[in-house]
């Protein structure tokens, strides 16, 4: 089962700003999506690892491209 976090929840979990979460999403370091017809951005909790945030090429364990 997937666990999703909002941008605000993810920023609190990582102790960074919401803007920094947006940057990580745009860089591809955090996996996120917008639900159909929605404005919110939901973030996969599995992608919030220190390895993904600090490495030049993030590795996602449970995701396939």
PDB file of N, CA and C in Angstrom:
ATOM      1  N   UNK A   1       0.846  -1.185   0.000  1.00  0.00           N
ATOM      2  CA  UNK A   1       0.000   0.000   0.000  1.00  0.00           C
ATOM      3  C   UNK A   1       0.889   1.245   0.000  1.00  0.00           C
ATOM      4  N   UNK A   2       0.517   2.198  -0.817  1.00  0.00           N
ATOM      5  CA  UNK A   2       1.286   3.433  -0.936  1.00  0.00           C
ATOM      6  C   UNK A   2       0.881   4.412   0.159  1.00  0.00           C
ATOM      7  N   UNK A   3       1.857   5.128   0.641  1.00  0.00           N
ATOM      8  CA  UNK A   3       1.601   6.178   1.619  1.00  0.00           C
ATOM      9  C   UNK A   3       1.967   7.495   0.959  1.00  0.00           C
ATOM     10  N   UNK A   4       1.031   8.434   0.978  1.00  0.00           N
ATOM     11  CA  UNK A   4       1.237   9.737   0.352  1.00  0.00           C
ATOM     12  C   UNK A   4       1.303  10.819   1.417  1.00  0.00           C
ATOM     13  N   UNK A   5       2.116  11.827   1.150  1.00  0.00           N
ATOM     14  CA  UNK A   5       2.214  12.989   2.026  1.00  0.00           C
ATOM     15  C   UNK A   5       1.962  14.241   1.212  1.00  0.00           C
ATOM     16  N   UNK A   6       1.432  15.257   1.864  1.00  0.00           N
ATOM     17  CA  UNK A   6       1.309  16.556   1.209  1.00  0.00           C
ATOM     18  C   UNK A   6       2.681  17.226   1.208  1.00  0.00           C
ATOM     19  N   UNK A   7       2.800  18.320   0.483  1.00  0.00           N
ATOM     20  CA  UNK A   7       4.072  19.054   0.458  1.00  0.00           C
ATOM     21  C   UNK A   7       4.427  19.561   1.849  1.00  0.00           C
ATOM     22  N   UNK A   8       3.430  20.029   2.577  1.00  0.00           N
ATOM     23  CA  UNK A   8       3.660  20.556   3.928  1.00  0.00           C
ATOM     24  C   UNK A   8       4.123  19.452   4.868  1.00  0.00           C
ATOM     25  N   UNK A   9       3.479  18.289   4.807  1.00  0.00           N
ATOM     26  CA  UNK A   9       3.872  17.163   5.654  1.00  0.00           C
ATOM     27  C   UNK A   9       5.283  16.690   5.316  1.00  0.00           C
ATOM     28  N   UNK A  10       5.609  16.657   4.027  1.00  0.00           N
ATOM     29  CA  UNK A  10       6.951  16.241   3.607  1.00  0.00           C
ATOM     30  C   UNK A  10       8.007  17.234   4.088  1.00  0.00           C
ATOM     31  N   UNK A  11       7.688  18.525   4.036  1.00  0.00           N
ATOM     32  CA  UNK A  11       8.657  19.527   4.489  1.00  0.00           C
ATOM     33  C   UNK A  11       8.892  19.423   5.994  1.00  0.00           C
ATOM     34  N   UNK A  12       7.840  19.135   6.751  1.00  0.00           N
ATOM     35  CA  UNK A  12       8.012  18.940   8.197  1.00  0.00           C
ATOM     36  C   UNK A  12       8.813  17.677   8.482  1.00  0.00           C
ATOM     37  N   UNK A  13       8.561  16.614   7.737  1.00  0.00           N
ATOM     38  CA  UNK A  13       9.268  15.350   7.921  1.00  0.00           C
ATOM     39  C   UNK A  13      10.765  15.508   7.645  1.00  0.00           C
ATOM     40  N   UNK A  14      11.104  16.295   6.615  1.00  0.00           N
ATOM     41  CA  UNK A  14      12.505  16.491   6.227  1.00  0.00           C
ATOM     42  C   UNK A  14      13.156  17.689   6.908  1.00  0.00           C
ATOM     43  N   UNK A  15      12.372  18.491   7.601  1.00  0.00           N
ATOM     44  CA  UNK A  15      12.853  19.727   8.251  1.00  0.00           C
ATOM     45  C   UNK A  15      13.446  20.704   7.243  1.00  0.00           C
ATOM     46  N   UNK A  16      12.728  20.882   6.134  1.00  0.00           N
ATOM     47  CA  UNK A  16      13.123  21.845   5.109  1.00  0.00           C
ATOM     48  C   UNK A  16      11.887  22.658   4.726  1.00  0.00           C
ATOM     49  N   UNK A  17      12.078  23.662   3.905  1.00  0.00           N
ATOM     50  CA  UNK A  17      10.950  24.505   3.498  1.00  0.00           C
ATOM     51  C   UNK A  17      10.130  23.824   2.404  1.00  0.00           C
ATOM     52  N   UNK A  18       8.905  24.310   2.235  1.00  0.00           N
ATOM     53  CA  UNK A  18       8.032  23.790   1.185  1.00  0.00           C
ATOM     54  C   UNK A  18       8.641  24.088  -0.186  1.00  0.00           C
ATOM     55  N   UNK A  19       9.262  25.240  -0.311  1.00  0.00           N
ATOM     56  CA  UNK A  19       9.909  25.602  -1.577  1.00  0.00           C
ATOM     57  C   UNK A  19      11.030  24.622  -1.928  1.00  0.00           C
ATOM     58  N   UNK A  20      11.775  24.171  -0.935  1.00  0.00           N
ATOM     59  CA  UNK A  20      12.847  23.199  -1.182  1.00  0.00           C
ATOM     60  C   UNK A  20      12.252  21.858  -1.613  1.00  0.00           C
ATOM     61  N   UNK A  21      11.118  21.483  -1.049  1.00  0.00           N
ATOM     62  CA  UNK A  21      10.431  20.265  -1.487  1.00  0.00           C
ATOM     63  C   UNK A  21      10.047  20.406  -2.955  1.00  0.00           C
ATOM     64  N   UNK A  22       9.533  21.580  -3.353  1.00  0.00           N
ATOM     65  CA  UNK A  22       9.186  21.824  -4.748  1.00  0.00           C
ATOM     66  C   UNK A  22      10.407  21.687  -5.654  1.00  0.00           C
ATOM     67  N   UNK A  23      11.545  22.182  -5.201  1.00  0.00           N
ATOM     68  CA  UNK A  23      12.776  22.069  -5.992  1.00  0.00           C
ATOM     69  C   UNK A  23      13.181  20.609  -6.156  1.00  0.00           C
ATOM     70  N   UNK A  24      13.109  19.839  -5.081  1.00  0.00           N
ATOM     71  CA  UNK A  24      13.458  18.426  -5.156  1.00  0.00           C
ATOM     72  C   UNK A  24      12.521  17.672  -6.098  1.00  0.00           C
ATOM     73  N   UNK A  25      11.249  18.021  -6.097  1.00  0.00           N
ATOM     74  CA  UNK A  25      10.295  17.379  -7.006  1.00  0.00           C
ATOM     75  C   UNK A  25      10.647  17.727  -8.448  1.00  0.00           C
ATOM     76  N   UNK A  26      10.930  18.991  -8.723  1.00  0.00           N
ATOM     77  CA  UNK A  26      11.249  19.402 -10.095  1.00  0.00           C
ATOM     78  C   UNK A  26      12.580  18.810 -10.567  1.00  0.00           C
ATOM     79  N   UNK A  27      13.522  18.566  -9.650  1.00  0.00           N
ATOM     80  CA  UNK A  27      14.801  17.939  -9.994  1.00  0.00           C
ATOM     81  C   UNK A  27      14.681  16.427 -10.145  1.00  0.00           C
ATOM     82  N   UNK A  28      13.560  15.863  -9.712  1.00  0.00           N
ATOM     83  CA  UNK A  28      13.357  14.424  -9.807  1.00  0.00           C
ATOM     84  C   UNK A  28      13.902  13.649  -8.626  1.00  0.00           C
ATOM     85  N   UNK A  29      14.262  14.332  -7.564  1.00  0.00           N
ATOM     86  CA  UNK A  29      14.795  13.647  -6.384  1.00  0.00           C
ATOM     87  C   UNK A  29      13.685  13.075  -5.514  1.00  0.00           C
ATOM     88  N   UNK A  30      12.488  13.625  -5.616  1.00  0.00           N
ATOM     89  CA  UNK A  30      11.320  13.138  -4.877  1.00  0.00           C
ATOM     90  C   UNK A  30      10.237  12.822  -5.912  1.00  0.00           C
ATOM     91  N   UNK A  31       9.614  11.659  -5.776  1.00  0.00           N
ATOM     92  CA  UNK A  31       8.512  11.270  -6.666  1.00  0.00           C
ATOM     93  C   UNK A  31       7.212  11.867  -6.144  1.00  0.00           C
ATOM     94  N   UNK A  32       6.495  12.554  -7.026  1.00  0.00           N
ATOM     95  CA  UNK A  32       5.231  13.182  -6.648  1.00  0.00           C
ATOM     96  C   UNK A  32       4.280  13.151  -7.835  1.00  0.00           C
ATOM     97  N   UNK A  33       3.010  13.411  -7.568  1.00  0.00           N
ATOM     98  CA  UNK A  33       2.010  13.461  -8.630  1.00  0.00           C
ATOM     99  C   UNK A  33       0.854  14.346  -8.200  1.00  0.00           C
ATOM    100  N   UNK A  34       0.067  14.760  -9.188  1.00  0.00           N
ATOM    101  CA  UNK A  34      -1.169  15.492  -8.931  1.00  0.00           C
ATOM    102  C   UNK A  34      -2.333  14.547  -9.217  1.00  0.00           C
ATOM    103  N   UNK A  35      -3.239  14.397  -8.262  1.00  0.00           N
ATOM    104  CA  UNK A  35      -4.414  13.563  -8.528  1.00  0.00           C
ATOM    105  C   UNK A  35      -5.244  14.164  -9.661  1.00  0.00           C
ATOM    106  N   UNK A  36      -5.960  13.307 -10.374  1.00  0.00           N
ATOM    107  CA  UNK A  36      -6.772  13.758 -11.501  1.00  0.00           C
ATOM    108  C   UNK A  36      -7.755  14.838 -11.059  1.00  0.00           C
ATOM    109  N   UNK A  37      -7.706  15.954 -11.740  1.00  0.00           N
ATOM    110  CA  UNK A  37      -8.630  17.052 -11.470  1.00  0.00           C
ATOM    111  C   UNK A  37      -8.324  17.814 -10.196  1.00  0.00           C
ATOM    112  N   UNK A  38      -7.185  17.581  -9.602  1.00  0.00           N
ATOM    113  CA  UNK A  38      -6.870  18.236  -8.336  1.00  0.00           C
ATOM    114  C   UNK A  38      -5.736  19.237  -8.464  1.00  0.00           C
ATOM    115  N   UNK A  39      -5.591  20.042  -7.452  1.00  0.00           N
ATOM    116  CA  UNK A  39      -4.512  21.027  -7.401  1.00  0.00           C
ATOM    117  C   UNK A  39      -3.364  20.568  -6.515  1.00  0.00           C
ATOM    118  N   UNK A  40      -3.682  19.700  -5.566  1.00  0.00           N
ATOM    119  CA  UNK A  40      -2.683  19.263  -4.587  1.00  0.00           C
ATOM    120  C   UNK A  40      -1.587  18.447  -5.254  1.00  0.00           C
ATOM    121  N   UNK A  41      -0.431  18.492  -4.663  1.00  0.00           N
ATOM    122  CA  UNK A  41       0.675  17.635  -5.069  1.00  0.00           C
ATOM    123  C   UNK A  41       0.885  16.639  -3.943  1.00  0.00           C
ATOM    124  N   UNK A  42       0.812  15.363  -4.271  1.00  0.00           N
ATOM    125  CA  UNK A  42       1.030  14.315  -3.281  1.00  0.00           C
ATOM    126  C   UNK A  42       2.378  13.662  -3.542  1.00  0.00           C
ATOM    127  N   UNK A  43       3.082  13.368  -2.468  1.00  0.00           N
ATOM    128  CA  UNK A  43       4.441  12.850  -2.536  1.00  0.00           C
ATOM    129  C   UNK A  43       4.457  11.435  -1.984  1.00  0.00           C
ATOM    130  N   UNK A  44       5.131  10.541  -2.704  1.00  0.00           N
ATOM    131  CA  UNK A  44       5.289   9.173  -2.226  1.00  0.00           C
ATOM    132  C   UNK A  44       6.245   9.186  -1.037  1.00  0.00           C
ATOM    133  N   UNK A  45       5.817   8.660   0.090  1.00  0.00           N
ATOM    134  CA  UNK A  45       6.648   8.663   1.303  1.00  0.00           C
ATOM    135  C   UNK A  45       7.906   7.825   1.113  1.00  0.00           C
ATOM    136  N   UNK A  46       7.850   6.793   0.255  1.00  0.00           N
ATOM    137  CA  UNK A  46       9.017   5.948   0.017  1.00  0.00           C
ATOM    138  C   UNK A  46      10.156   6.693  -0.661  1.00  0.00           C
ATOM    139  N   UNK A  47       9.865   7.804  -1.312  1.00  0.00           N
ATOM    140  CA  UNK A  47      10.917   8.536  -2.021  1.00  0.00           C
ATOM    141  C   UNK A  47      11.637   9.539  -1.123  1.00  0.00           C
ATOM    142  N   UNK A  48      11.228   9.660   0.125  1.00  0.00           N
ATOM    143  CA  UNK A  48      11.838  10.616   1.043  1.00  0.00           C
ATOM    144  C   UNK A  48      12.979   9.963   1.831  1.00  0.00           C
ATOM    145  N   UNK A  49      14.018   9.570   1.120  1.00  0.00           N
ATOM    146  CA  UNK A  49      15.183   8.984   1.778  1.00  0.00           C
ATOM    147  C   UNK A  49      16.360   9.939   1.652  1.00  0.00           C
ATOM    148  N   UNK A  50      17.260   9.856   2.597  1.00  0.00           N
ATOM    149  CA  UNK A  50      18.441  10.728   2.584  1.00  0.00           C
ATOM    150  C   UNK A  50      19.299  10.450   1.352  1.00  0.00           C
ATOM    151  N   UNK A  51      19.334   9.197   0.926  1.00  0.00           N
ATOM    152  CA  UNK A  51      20.115   8.835  -0.256  1.00  0.00           C
ATOM    153  C   UNK A  51      19.588   9.555  -1.503  1.00  0.00           C
ATOM    154  N   UNK A  52      18.281   9.624  -1.658  1.00  0.00           N
ATOM    155  CA  UNK A  52      17.694  10.309  -2.815  1.00  0.00           C
ATOM    156  C   UNK A  52      17.963  11.803  -2.782  1.00  0.00           C
ATOM    157  N   UNK A  53      17.948  12.391  -1.606  1.00  0.00           N
ATOM    158  CA  UNK A  53      18.092  13.836  -1.513  1.00  0.00           C
ATOM    159  C   UNK A  53      19.538  14.300  -1.679  1.00  0.00           C
ATOM    160  N   UNK A  54      20.498  13.453  -1.342  1.00  0.00           N
ATOM    161  CA  UNK A  54      21.894  13.882  -1.371  1.00  0.00           C
ATOM    162  C   UNK A  54      22.707  13.331  -2.528  1.00  0.00           C
ATOM    163  N   UNK A  55      22.228  12.305  -3.205  1.00  0.00           N
ATOM    164  CA  UNK A  55      23.004  11.722  -4.289  1.00  0.00           C
ATOM    165  C   UNK A  55      22.724  12.458  -5.602  1.00  0.00           C
ATOM    166  N   UNK A  56      23.688  12.450  -6.527  1.00  0.00           N
ATOM    167  CA  UNK A  56      23.462  13.121  -7.812  1.00  0.00           C
ATOM    168  C   UNK A  56      22.379  12.440  -8.650  1.00  0.00           C
ATOM    169  N   UNK A  57      22.261  11.119  -8.524  1.00  0.00           N
ATOM    170  CA  UNK A  57      21.227  10.375  -9.246  1.00  0.00           C
ATOM    171  C   UNK A  57      20.416   9.600  -8.214  1.00  0.00           C
ATOM    172  N   UNK A  58      19.161  10.000  -7.961  1.00  0.00           N
ATOM    173  CA  UNK A  58      18.365   9.311  -6.942  1.00  0.00           C
ATOM    174  C   UNK A  58      18.007   7.890  -7.358  1.00  0.00           C
ATOM    175  N   UNK A  59      17.923   6.999  -6.377  1.00  0.00           N
ATOM    176  CA  UNK A  59      17.530   5.613  -6.605  1.00  0.00           C
ATOM    177  C   UNK A  59      16.208   5.375  -5.899  1.00  0.00           C
ATOM    178  N   UNK A  60      15.204   4.967  -6.666  1.00  0.00           N
ATOM    179  CA  UNK A  60      13.896   4.702  -6.093  1.00  0.00           C
ATOM    180  C   UNK A  60      13.717   3.194  -6.004  1.00  0.00           C
ATOM    181  N   UNK A  61      13.458   2.708  -4.816  1.00  0.00           N
ATOM    182  CA  UNK A  61      13.383   1.274  -4.572  1.00  0.00           C
ATOM    183  C   UNK A  61      12.106   0.671  -5.163  1.00  0.00           C
ATOM    184  N   UNK A  62      10.988   1.291  -4.933  1.00  0.00           N
ATOM    185  CA  UNK A  62       9.699   0.700  -5.295  1.00  0.00           C
ATOM    186  C   UNK A  62       9.088   1.295  -6.559  1.00  0.00           C
ATOM    187  N   UNK A  63       9.878   1.974  -7.374  1.00  0.00           N
ATOM    188  CA  UNK A  63       9.323   2.633  -8.543  1.00  0.00           C
ATOM    189  C   UNK A  63      10.005   2.151  -9.802  1.00  0.00           C
ATOM    190  N   UNK A  64       9.247   2.075 -10.865  1.00  0.00           N
ATOM    191  CA  UNK A  64       9.789   1.726 -12.180  1.00  0.00           C
ATOM    192  C   UNK A  64       9.474   2.860 -13.132  1.00  0.00           C
ATOM    193  N   UNK A  65      10.428   3.159 -14.018  1.00  0.00           N
ATOM    194  CA  UNK A  65      10.190   4.205 -15.023  1.00  0.00           C
ATOM    195  C   UNK A  65       9.850   3.608 -16.362  1.00  0.00           C
TER     196      UNK A  65
END
